[in-house]
Amino acid sequence: MGEPSDERALATMLAAASDADLADLFALRRLPLPNPAHDFFDVAAALLTDGAVDRALTRLPATLLTALAEGAEPSPSERAALSSLALVDADGQPFGVVTARLRTLRTAVPATAQVTAPPPQPADARTTAAAGERAFSAVSSLADILVAALAAPLPRTGAGTVSVAERRRLIEDGAVADPEELDDLAALAADAGLLDDVERSWTATSGAASWLGETTATRWSLVAQGFVRRLPQGLRTPDGGFVPSEAWPDAYPLDPDWPARAATLIRRARRWGILAEPGIEPAWTTGLRTTGTPDLAALAAHLPPEVDRIYLQADLTAISPGPLAPRWEQRLRSMTVRETRAQASTYRFTSESLTSAVSAGESAESLRSFLGELSLTGIPQPLDYLIERTASRHGLIRVSLDDESGRTVVRSSDPQVLATIAVDQALRPVGLVPHEGALVSRASRDTVYWSLVDARYPVVAVDGDHGVAGVHE
């Protein structure tokens, strides 16, 4: 417990602090207010207990631990950081309990006060090529994850990992190789502001769609810079970069959980192509490490060149001879199912994928115009026929809500289609029954719509004015 004189000194400092400073202090110390807290003396006493000080010290980087050591002269920035944590008095001297607990902790957990590492050496051609390949693969995989998150949030477990069902789907789709890669890339996207944790789900942010439209090198840079900005304080430098990764494992010498966290950060940086082998770094990382800004020209030289043309095949596939430029690839994916993902990718047109595209606003004319501009081989007759048939069938089944009865109504210009739906066993749970040339259900419009989608019917949801509604998007 802190000495009475220390408690009085800290209480005086707290009384002079602004509300914002106090809020920051309790957020940094992760300490709830004492209940009840009659005055600032109660607050000061809570902050100077052995347990509260121990928790603060174990989260300090080596540089601040050194500044707290007996006889040390902290720099102005170090003094400000320690003051914001309420570990030093108004003169910048550690409170007595802080000095005592630091001495005890260092005895229990022997560690050097500060660990440094020499600047990494430039990577050789082989290592640079491998890092570039990892960077390209990671950017491609994250694009797949964001496309999935834009379609629907990715549920997370209580432990914070992506749910088993979503992991399985993304692995089977070839987006990622294993759960660890998925969680690493999701964490990198969150650092860059592309994913947000909303109600225990990874939800794509407004910046995700913009990111998908950027070049591969720019995509990589935005995530790499986000990663560096979110690194713990003990790993960052005043110039906006980071200390050499060889120093990361010892950056928080009193934190028993830090070695595992440091290993995770190193793994993610290596996966993204920021780090190479220990002690060496690719050319594009040098600027990122020293100033926070990578050398994109150096990275682009080791990425596969992007293409802006594809081959359309009579078997309803599209073959991209290299990485398709994002502005083309995202639209192509909106109307296809990707079968293989590599530097040369294969996409397949299906009635379902084209139906989704038409539901999202495409037409037969816009599809032909886009594909005709993109294709080196024209539009094969089987694909042209599938486009025409899909567009003509779109809207064959329309789902709406009857305002008077509150029931969901399914209509079609083809009575035989309605007859088929009425006896479809897969649709029994929504209880569709004939009524005045249509089918009605007590289930919600969304439920009926998605049941028809799952049963592979060409369906659209419409609002009260017979416009296409947003439920299917």
Protein backbone atom coordinates (compact mmCIF):
# COMPACT_ATOMS: atom_id res chain seq x y z
CA MET A 1 0.00 0.00 0.00
CA GLY A 2 1.24 3.46 -0.81
CA GLU A 3 2.53 5.79 1.92
CA PRO A 4 0.08 8.46 3.19
CA SER A 5 2.31 11.20 1.75
CA ASP A 6 2.23 9.50 -1.66
CA GLU A 7 -1.53 9.13 -1.51
CA ARG A 8 -1.85 12.82 -0.65
CA ALA A 9 0.47 13.82 -3.51
CA LEU A 10 -1.41 11.65 -6.01
CA ALA A 11 -4.80 12.85 -4.77
CA THR A 12 -3.66 16.43 -5.35
CA MET A 13 -2.57 15.54 -8.89
CA LEU A 14 -5.89 13.82 -9.59
CA ALA A 15 -7.87 16.78 -8.31
CA ALA A 16 -6.03 19.06 -10.74
CA ALA A 17 -6.50 16.72 -13.72
CA SER A 18 -9.23 17.18 -16.32
CA ASP A 19 -12.09 14.74 -16.73
CA ALA A 20 -10.53 13.54 -19.98
CA ASP A 21 -7.18 12.92 -18.28
CA LEU A 22 -8.88 10.95 -15.52
CA ALA A 23 -10.80 8.87 -18.05
CA ASP A 24 -7.55 8.12 -19.90
CA LEU A 25 -5.85 7.17 -16.64
CA PHE A 26 -8.44 4.61 -15.67
CA ALA A 27 -8.50 3.21 -19.18
CA LEU A 28 -4.72 2.85 -19.15
CA ARG A 29 -4.58 1.33 -15.69
CA ARG A 30 -7.64 -0.87 -16.40
CA LEU A 31 -8.76 -0.26 -12.85
CA PRO A 32 -12.39 0.28 -11.81
CA LEU A 33 -13.19 3.15 -9.52
CA PRO A 34 -13.40 2.11 -5.86
CA ASN A 35 -17.00 1.72 -4.80
CA PRO A 36 -17.82 3.90 -3.02
CA ALA A 37 -15.20 6.54 -3.92
CA HIS A 38 -15.78 9.42 -1.50
CA ASP A 39 -12.93 11.60 -2.75
CA PHE A 40 -9.65 11.64 -4.65
CA PHE A 41 -7.87 10.13 -1.65
CA ASP A 42 -9.90 6.92 -2.14
CA VAL A 43 -8.96 6.90 -5.82
CA ALA A 44 -5.29 7.50 -5.06
CA ALA A 45 -5.28 4.72 -2.47
CA ALA A 46 -6.77 2.30 -5.03
CA LEU A 47 -4.13 3.22 -7.61
CA LEU A 48 -1.26 2.73 -5.14
CA THR A 49 -2.14 -0.73 -3.84
CA ASP A 50 0.45 -3.43 -4.47
CA GLY A 51 -1.86 -5.29 -6.85
CA ALA A 52 -2.75 -2.22 -8.90
CA VAL A 53 0.89 -1.18 -9.20
CA ASP A 54 1.98 -4.72 -10.14
CA ARG A 55 -0.59 -4.81 -12.96
CA ALA A 56 0.66 -1.48 -14.27
CA LEU A 57 4.33 -2.47 -14.09
CA THR A 58 3.89 -5.79 -15.87
CA ARG A 59 2.40 -3.91 -18.84
CA LEU A 60 5.27 -1.43 -19.11
CA PRO A 61 7.81 -1.72 -21.95
CA ALA A 62 11.49 -2.08 -21.13
CA THR A 63 12.19 1.60 -21.86
CA LEU A 64 9.75 2.82 -19.21
CA LEU A 65 10.92 0.23 -16.71
CA THR A 66 14.42 1.61 -17.18
CA ALA A 67 13.12 5.15 -16.64
CA LEU A 68 11.56 4.04 -13.34
CA ALA A 69 14.73 2.41 -12.06
CA GLU A 70 16.34 3.99 -8.99
CA GLY A 71 18.65 6.83 -9.99
CA ALA A 72 17.32 7.00 -13.57
CA GLU A 73 16.65 10.28 -15.34
CA PRO A 74 13.60 9.81 -17.57
CA SER A 75 13.30 11.85 -20.75
CA PRO A 76 10.41 14.33 -21.02
CA SER A 77 8.39 11.86 -23.12
CA GLU A 78 9.06 9.02 -20.67
CA ARG A 79 8.14 11.22 -17.73
CA ALA A 80 4.88 12.21 -19.45
CA ALA A 81 4.05 8.56 -20.14
CA LEU A 82 4.71 7.54 -16.52
CA SER A 83 2.74 10.52 -15.22
CA SER A 84 -0.25 9.56 -17.39
CA LEU A 85 -0.18 6.21 -15.60
CA ALA A 86 0.00 7.83 -12.14
CA LEU A 87 3.28 6.04 -11.36
CA VAL A 88 5.34 9.19 -10.62
CA ASP A 89 4.68 12.32 -8.60
CA ALA A 90 4.56 15.91 -9.82
CA ASP A 91 8.37 16.06 -9.82
CA GLY A 92 8.66 12.92 -11.95
CA GLN A 93 9.87 10.74 -9.05
CA PRO A 94 8.37 7.23 -8.68
CA PHE A 95 6.03 6.77 -5.76
CA GLY A 96 7.51 4.64 -2.98
CA VAL A 97 5.28 1.65 -3.65
CA VAL A 98 6.22 1.78 -7.33
CA THR A 99 9.93 1.57 -6.53
CA ALA A 100 9.37 -1.24 -4.03
CA ARG A 101 7.15 -3.30 -6.31
CA LEU A 102 9.51 -2.84 -9.27
CA ARG A 103 12.38 -4.13 -7.15
CA THR A 104 10.32 -7.15 -6.06
CA LEU A 105 9.09 -7.98 -9.55
CA ARG A 106 12.56 -7.79 -11.04
CA THR A 107 13.79 -10.17 -8.37
CA ALA A 108 10.99 -12.63 -9.17
CA VAL A 109 11.31 -12.24 -12.96
CA PRO A 110 14.98 -11.58 -13.80
CA ALA A 111 15.23 -9.63 -17.05
CA THR A 112 17.44 -7.07 -18.66
CA ALA A 113 16.06 -3.57 -18.35
CA GLN A 114 16.21 -2.79 -22.05
CA VAL A 115 16.87 -4.94 -25.07
CA THR A 116 18.09 -3.55 -28.37
CA ALA A 117 18.91 -5.18 -31.68
CA PRO A 118 21.00 -4.01 -34.63
CA PRO A 119 19.19 -2.93 -37.81
CA PRO A 120 18.34 -5.89 -40.08
CA GLN A 121 20.48 -6.62 -43.11
CA PRO A 122 19.00 -6.44 -46.65
CA ALA A 123 17.46 -9.71 -47.78
CA ASP A 124 19.01 -11.62 -50.65
CA ALA A 125 17.13 -12.31 -53.89
CA ARG A 126 15.75 -15.68 -52.76
CA THR A 127 14.44 -14.41 -49.43
CA THR A 128 13.02 -11.28 -51.05
CA ALA A 129 11.17 -13.36 -53.64
CA ALA A 130 9.72 -15.58 -50.91
CA ALA A 131 8.54 -12.54 -48.92
CA GLY A 132 6.95 -11.07 -52.05
CA GLU A 133 5.12 -14.32 -52.70
CA ARG A 134 3.82 -14.38 -49.13
CA ALA A 135 2.68 -10.78 -49.49
CA PHE A 136 0.78 -11.52 -52.70
CA SER A 137 -0.84 -14.64 -51.27
CA ALA A 138 -1.86 -12.85 -48.07
CA VAL A 139 -3.43 -9.94 -49.94
CA SER A 140 -5.39 -12.35 -52.15
CA SER A 141 -6.62 -14.33 -49.15
CA LEU A 142 -7.66 -11.23 -47.25
CA ALA A 143 -9.60 -10.05 -50.31
CA ASP A 144 -11.58 -13.30 -50.18
CA ILE A 145 -12.27 -12.83 -46.48
CA LEU A 146 -13.49 -9.27 -47.00
CA VAL A 147 -15.71 -10.30 -49.92
CA ALA A 148 -17.30 -12.89 -47.61
CA ALA A 149 -17.66 -10.34 -44.79
CA LEU A 150 -19.30 -7.83 -47.14
CA ALA A 151 -21.90 -10.47 -48.02
CA ALA A 152 -22.56 -11.35 -44.35
CA PRO A 153 -20.73 -10.79 -41.05
CA LEU A 154 -18.38 -13.59 -39.97
CA PRO A 155 -19.51 -14.94 -36.56
CA ARG A 156 -16.87 -15.34 -33.86
CA THR A 157 -16.61 -17.72 -30.93
CA GLY A 158 -16.27 -16.67 -27.31
CA ALA A 159 -12.50 -17.03 -27.69
CA GLY A 160 -12.53 -14.49 -30.53
CA THR A 161 -11.78 -16.87 -33.40
CA VAL A 162 -13.96 -17.16 -36.49
CA SER A 163 -16.73 -19.72 -35.99
CA VAL A 164 -16.18 -23.33 -37.03
CA ALA A 165 -18.77 -23.18 -39.82
CA GLU A 166 -17.25 -20.04 -41.36
CA ARG A 167 -13.73 -21.42 -41.03
CA ARG A 168 -14.74 -24.59 -42.82
CA ARG A 169 -16.46 -22.68 -45.62
CA LEU A 170 -13.53 -20.32 -46.23
CA ILE A 171 -11.02 -23.18 -46.15
CA GLU A 172 -13.12 -25.28 -48.55
CA ASP A 173 -13.45 -22.25 -50.86
CA GLY A 174 -9.66 -21.96 -50.94
CA ALA A 175 -9.58 -18.52 -49.31
CA VAL A 176 -7.23 -19.68 -46.53
CA ALA A 177 -5.27 -22.82 -45.77
CA ASP A 178 -6.06 -23.20 -42.07
CA PRO A 179 -7.81 -21.51 -39.10
CA GLU A 180 -4.61 -19.82 -37.92
CA GLU A 181 -4.19 -18.04 -41.26
CA LEU A 182 -7.83 -16.93 -41.18
CA ASP A 183 -7.56 -15.46 -37.68
CA ASP A 184 -4.22 -13.78 -38.45
CA LEU A 185 -5.58 -12.10 -41.57
CA ALA A 186 -8.78 -11.04 -39.79
CA ALA A 187 -6.68 -9.45 -37.04
CA LEU A 188 -4.55 -7.63 -39.63
CA ALA A 189 -7.72 -6.37 -41.33
CA ALA A 190 -9.06 -5.13 -38.00
CA ASP A 191 -5.78 -3.25 -37.36
CA ALA A 192 -6.21 -1.56 -40.74
CA GLY A 193 -9.85 -0.65 -40.07
CA LEU A 194 -11.26 -3.04 -42.67
CA LEU A 195 -13.08 -5.32 -40.20
CA ASP A 196 -14.85 -4.32 -37.02
CA ASP A 197 -15.96 -6.50 -34.12
CA VAL A 198 -19.72 -5.95 -33.91
CA GLU A 199 -21.80 -8.19 -31.66
CA ARG A 200 -19.18 -10.97 -31.72
CA SER A 201 -18.89 -10.96 -35.51
CA TRP A 202 -16.30 -9.61 -37.92
CA THR A 203 -18.22 -7.00 -39.93
CA ALA A 204 -16.75 -5.31 -43.01
CA THR A 205 -16.30 -1.57 -42.55
CA SER A 206 -17.01 1.13 -45.11
CA GLY A 207 -13.33 1.05 -46.05
CA ALA A 208 -13.36 -2.62 -47.02
CA ALA A 209 -15.03 -2.07 -50.40
CA SER A 210 -12.62 0.76 -51.22
CA TRP A 211 -9.66 -1.42 -50.25
CA LEU A 212 -10.85 -4.14 -52.62
CA GLY A 213 -10.68 -1.68 -55.50
CA GLU A 214 -7.01 -0.80 -54.92
CA THR A 215 -3.95 -2.36 -56.55
CA THR A 216 -2.25 -5.27 -54.83
CA ALA A 217 0.67 -3.11 -53.69
CA THR A 218 -1.63 -0.43 -52.26
CA ARG A 219 -3.76 -3.05 -50.52
CA TRP A 220 -0.62 -4.47 -48.93
CA SER A 221 0.58 -1.03 -47.84
CA LEU A 222 -2.68 -0.02 -46.16
CA VAL A 223 -2.71 -3.16 -44.04
CA ALA A 224 1.03 -3.04 -43.27
CA GLN A 225 0.76 0.55 -42.06
CA GLY A 226 -2.29 -0.31 -39.98
CA PHE A 227 -0.35 -3.16 -38.39
CA VAL A 228 2.53 -0.84 -37.45
CA ARG A 229 0.20 1.83 -36.04
CA ARG A 230 -1.42 -0.76 -33.77
CA LEU A 231 1.80 -2.28 -32.46
CA PRO A 232 2.25 -1.96 -28.69
CA GLN A 233 4.08 1.15 -27.52
CA GLY A 234 7.24 -0.77 -26.65
CA LEU A 235 7.70 -1.84 -30.29
CA ARG A 236 7.11 1.52 -31.96
CA THR A 237 9.61 4.30 -32.55
CA PRO A 238 9.07 8.10 -32.35
CA ASP A 239 9.44 8.35 -36.15
CA GLY A 240 6.40 6.14 -36.79
CA GLY A 241 8.27 2.90 -37.43
CA PHE A 242 9.14 -0.06 -35.24
CA VAL A 243 12.16 -1.58 -33.52
CA PRO A 244 13.86 -4.59 -35.17
CA SER A 245 11.79 -7.73 -34.62
CA GLU A 246 14.66 -9.49 -32.85
CA ALA A 247 13.99 -7.13 -29.90
CA TRP A 248 10.25 -7.84 -29.78
CA PRO A 249 10.29 -10.93 -27.49
CA ASP A 250 12.02 -8.97 -24.69
CA ALA A 251 10.16 -5.68 -25.06
CA TYR A 252 7.92 -6.30 -22.02
CA PRO A 253 10.19 -8.21 -19.63
CA LEU A 254 7.78 -8.32 -16.67
CA ASP A 255 4.71 -9.48 -18.60
CA PRO A 256 4.39 -13.28 -18.47
CA ASP A 257 1.95 -13.25 -21.40
CA TRP A 258 4.14 -11.12 -23.62
CA PRO A 259 6.37 -13.81 -25.23
CA ALA A 260 3.33 -15.56 -26.70
CA ARG A 261 1.87 -12.26 -27.92
CA ALA A 262 5.20 -11.23 -29.44
CA ALA A 263 5.40 -14.57 -31.28
CA THR A 264 1.90 -13.96 -32.67
CA LEU A 265 2.82 -10.47 -33.88
CA ILE A 266 5.99 -11.77 -35.54
CA ARG A 267 4.02 -14.54 -37.23
CA ARG A 268 1.45 -12.06 -38.59
CA ALA A 269 4.17 -9.70 -39.82
CA ARG A 270 5.93 -12.55 -41.55
CA ARG A 271 2.65 -13.80 -43.06
CA TRP A 272 1.99 -10.34 -44.51
CA GLY A 273 5.47 -10.13 -46.00
CA ILE A 274 6.67 -7.41 -43.62
CA LEU A 275 9.30 -9.61 -42.01
CA ALA A 276 11.58 -12.14 -43.66
CA GLU A 277 14.17 -14.28 -41.91
CA PRO A 278 15.56 -13.15 -38.51
CA GLY A 279 18.08 -10.36 -38.91
CA ILE A 280 17.22 -9.53 -42.52
CA GLU A 281 14.38 -7.65 -44.19
CA PRO A 282 13.04 -7.10 -47.73
CA ALA A 283 13.68 -3.71 -49.29
CA TRP A 284 10.07 -2.53 -48.98
CA THR A 285 10.14 -3.00 -45.19
CA THR A 286 13.11 -0.74 -44.48
CA GLY A 287 11.10 2.46 -44.91
CA LEU A 288 8.17 0.94 -43.01
CA ARG A 289 10.47 0.10 -40.09
CA THR A 290 12.24 3.47 -39.99
CA THR A 291 9.45 5.92 -40.89
CA GLY A 292 6.20 3.94 -41.10
CA THR A 293 6.04 4.30 -44.90
CA PRO A 294 6.94 1.28 -47.08
CA ASP A 295 8.68 1.38 -50.46
CA LEU A 296 5.85 0.28 -52.75
CA ALA A 297 8.00 0.36 -55.87
CA ALA A 298 10.31 -2.24 -54.30
CA LEU A 299 7.32 -4.41 -53.40
CA ALA A 300 5.61 -4.06 -56.80
CA ALA A 301 8.79 -5.31 -58.49
CA HIS A 302 8.31 -8.64 -56.71
CA LEU A 303 4.56 -9.04 -57.26
CA PRO A 304 3.08 -10.83 -60.29
CA PRO A 305 2.01 -8.25 -62.91
CA GLU A 306 -1.73 -7.62 -63.00
CA VAL A 307 -3.70 -8.32 -66.17
CA ASP A 308 -6.84 -6.70 -67.55
CA ARG A 309 -8.01 -9.40 -69.98
CA ILE A 310 -9.35 -12.92 -69.59
CA TYR A 311 -10.22 -15.92 -71.75
CA LEU A 312 -13.91 -16.92 -71.84
CA GLN A 313 -14.38 -20.64 -72.57
CA ALA A 314 -17.27 -22.55 -74.11
CA ASP A 315 -17.48 -24.66 -70.93
CA LEU A 316 -18.72 -21.53 -69.05
CA THR A 317 -15.38 -20.80 -67.41
CA ALA A 318 -13.21 -17.70 -67.46
CA ILE A 319 -9.45 -18.02 -67.18
CA SER A 320 -7.31 -15.14 -66.01
CA PRO A 321 -3.70 -15.60 -67.20
CA GLY A 322 -2.43 -13.62 -64.20
CA PRO A 323 -3.75 -11.68 -61.22
CA LEU A 324 -6.74 -9.78 -62.58
CA ALA A 325 -6.67 -6.05 -61.84
CA PRO A 326 -8.96 -5.40 -58.83
CA ARG A 327 -11.30 -3.07 -60.71
CA TRP A 328 -12.12 -5.97 -63.06
CA GLU A 329 -11.78 -8.86 -60.64
CA GLN A 330 -14.35 -7.65 -58.13
CA ARG A 331 -17.05 -7.23 -60.76
CA LEU A 332 -16.20 -10.56 -62.41
CA ARG A 333 -16.52 -12.29 -59.05
CA SER A 334 -19.99 -10.78 -58.57
CA MET A 335 -21.23 -12.90 -61.49
CA THR A 336 -19.12 -16.06 -61.17
CA VAL A 337 -17.96 -18.73 -58.77
CA ARG A 338 -14.19 -18.87 -58.48
CA GLU A 339 -12.92 -22.42 -58.89
CA THR A 340 -9.17 -21.95 -58.51
CA ARG A 341 -7.12 -19.17 -56.95
CA ALA A 342 -3.52 -18.61 -57.94
CA GLN A 343 -1.61 -16.19 -60.11
CA ALA A 344 -3.78 -17.67 -62.89
CA SER A 345 -7.36 -18.12 -61.63
CA THR A 346 -10.42 -19.87 -63.01
CA TYR A 347 -13.98 -18.60 -62.59
CA ARG A 348 -17.21 -20.39 -63.55
CA PHE A 349 -20.51 -18.88 -64.66
CA THR A 350 -23.61 -20.61 -63.28
CA SER A 351 -27.28 -19.78 -63.40
CA GLU A 352 -27.13 -19.04 -59.66
CA SER A 353 -24.12 -16.71 -59.93
CA LEU A 354 -25.66 -14.83 -62.85
CA THR A 355 -28.97 -14.60 -61.01
CA SER A 356 -27.17 -12.97 -58.08
CA ALA A 357 -25.55 -10.51 -60.47
CA VAL A 358 -28.85 -9.58 -62.09
CA SER A 359 -30.47 -9.22 -58.66
CA ALA A 360 -27.69 -6.81 -57.73
CA GLY A 361 -28.46 -4.60 -60.74
CA GLU A 362 -26.80 -6.19 -63.78
CA SER A 363 -28.75 -6.78 -66.98
CA ALA A 364 -28.13 -8.97 -70.02
CA GLU A 365 -26.82 -5.91 -71.82
CA SER A 366 -24.49 -4.79 -69.03
CA LEU A 367 -23.14 -8.34 -68.60
CA ARG A 368 -22.41 -8.66 -72.31
CA SER A 369 -20.82 -5.22 -72.44
CA PHE A 370 -18.53 -5.91 -69.47
CA LEU A 371 -17.51 -9.39 -70.59
CA GLY A 372 -17.05 -8.31 -74.20
CA GLU A 373 -14.61 -5.60 -73.08
CA LEU A 374 -12.76 -7.96 -70.73
CA SER A 375 -12.56 -11.07 -72.93
CA LEU A 376 -9.76 -11.87 -75.37
CA THR A 377 -11.96 -14.52 -76.99
CA GLY A 378 -15.35 -12.87 -77.27
CA ILE A 379 -18.43 -14.30 -75.57
CA PRO A 380 -18.95 -18.01 -76.38
CA GLN A 381 -22.45 -19.01 -77.48
CA PRO A 382 -23.17 -21.22 -74.42
CA LEU A 383 -22.37 -18.32 -72.09
CA ASP A 384 -24.41 -15.87 -74.14
CA TYR A 385 -27.37 -18.27 -74.00
CA LEU A 386 -27.03 -18.67 -70.21
CA ILE A 387 -26.92 -14.89 -69.75
CA GLU A 388 -30.07 -14.44 -71.86
CA ARG A 389 -31.96 -17.24 -70.13
CA THR A 390 -31.00 -16.05 -66.64
CA ALA A 391 -31.95 -12.44 -67.35
CA SER A 392 -35.28 -13.45 -68.86
CA ARG A 393 -36.13 -15.66 -65.88
CA HIS A 394 -35.14 -13.03 -63.34
CA GLY A 395 -38.18 -11.87 -61.46
CA LEU A 396 -40.17 -14.94 -62.51
CA ILE A 397 -40.93 -15.36 -58.80
CA ARG A 398 -41.55 -12.25 -56.71
CA VAL A 399 -41.89 -12.16 -52.93
CA SER A 400 -43.61 -9.22 -51.24
CA LEU A 401 -45.47 -8.28 -48.07
CA ASP A 402 -49.21 -7.60 -48.16
CA ASP A 403 -49.73 -4.47 -46.08
CA GLU A 404 -53.37 -5.23 -45.23
CA SER A 405 -53.03 -8.83 -44.06
CA GLY A 406 -49.38 -8.69 -43.00
CA ARG A 407 -48.77 -11.96 -44.84
CA THR A 408 -45.98 -12.73 -47.27
CA VAL A 409 -47.16 -13.19 -50.87
CA VAL A 410 -45.38 -15.17 -53.60
CA ARG A 411 -46.43 -14.34 -57.17
CA SER A 412 -45.34 -15.50 -60.63
CA SER A 413 -46.45 -14.99 -64.21
CA ASP A 414 -46.13 -18.76 -64.68
CA PRO A 415 -48.88 -20.69 -62.80
CA GLN A 416 -46.95 -23.93 -63.20
CA VAL A 417 -44.03 -22.48 -61.22
CA LEU A 418 -46.38 -21.62 -58.35
CA ALA A 419 -47.83 -25.13 -58.48
CA THR A 420 -44.33 -26.57 -58.23
CA ILE A 421 -43.46 -24.36 -55.27
CA ALA A 422 -46.70 -25.29 -53.50
CA VAL A 423 -45.75 -28.97 -53.40
CA ASP A 424 -42.00 -28.56 -52.88
CA GLN A 425 -41.19 -30.44 -49.67
CA ALA A 426 -38.16 -28.24 -49.00
CA LEU A 427 -40.51 -25.27 -48.59
CA ARG A 428 -42.97 -26.90 -46.17
CA PRO A 429 -41.54 -25.08 -43.11
CA VAL A 430 -42.68 -21.67 -44.44
CA GLY A 431 -46.27 -22.89 -44.95
CA LEU A 432 -47.07 -21.56 -48.41
CA VAL A 433 -50.74 -22.01 -49.38
CA PRO A 434 -52.65 -21.01 -52.56
CA HIS A 435 -54.69 -17.80 -52.38
CA GLU A 436 -56.21 -15.84 -55.28
CA GLY A 437 -53.67 -16.92 -57.90
CA ALA A 438 -50.69 -16.57 -55.57
CA LEU A 439 -49.14 -18.29 -52.55
CA VAL A 440 -49.29 -16.77 -49.06
CA SER A 441 -47.40 -17.50 -45.86
CA ARG A 442 -47.40 -16.32 -42.25
CA ALA A 443 -43.57 -16.43 -42.29
CA SER A 444 -41.71 -13.17 -42.83
CA ARG A 445 -40.82 -12.00 -46.31
CA ASP A 446 -37.13 -12.47 -45.60
CA THR A 447 -37.66 -16.06 -44.43
CA VAL A 448 -39.72 -16.97 -47.49
CA TYR A 449 -37.28 -15.24 -49.83
CA TRP A 450 -34.21 -17.03 -48.49
CA SER A 451 -36.05 -20.37 -48.43
CA LEU A 452 -36.76 -19.95 -52.14
CA VAL A 453 -33.16 -18.90 -52.77
CA ASP A 454 -31.88 -21.98 -50.94
CA ALA A 455 -34.22 -24.11 -53.04
CA ARG A 456 -32.64 -22.52 -56.16
CA TYR A 457 -35.70 -20.71 -57.50
CA PRO A 458 -35.20 -17.50 -59.58
CA VAL A 459 -36.67 -15.17 -56.98
CA VAL A 460 -36.52 -11.48 -56.12
CA ALA A 461 -37.90 -9.65 -53.11
CA VAL A 462 -39.94 -6.54 -53.86
CA ASP A 463 -41.14 -3.68 -51.71
CA GLY A 464 -44.59 -2.18 -51.60
CA ASP A 465 -43.99 -0.20 -54.79
CA HIS A 466 -42.84 -3.35 -56.62
CA GLY A 467 -39.24 -2.21 -56.66
CA VAL A 468 -36.43 -4.65 -55.90
CA ALA A 469 -35.87 -4.65 -52.14
CA GLY A 470 -32.53 -4.85 -50.37
CA VAL A 471 -33.08 -8.17 -48.63
CA HIS A 472 -31.34 -10.17 -51.37
CA GLU A 473 -28.25 -7.99 -51.64
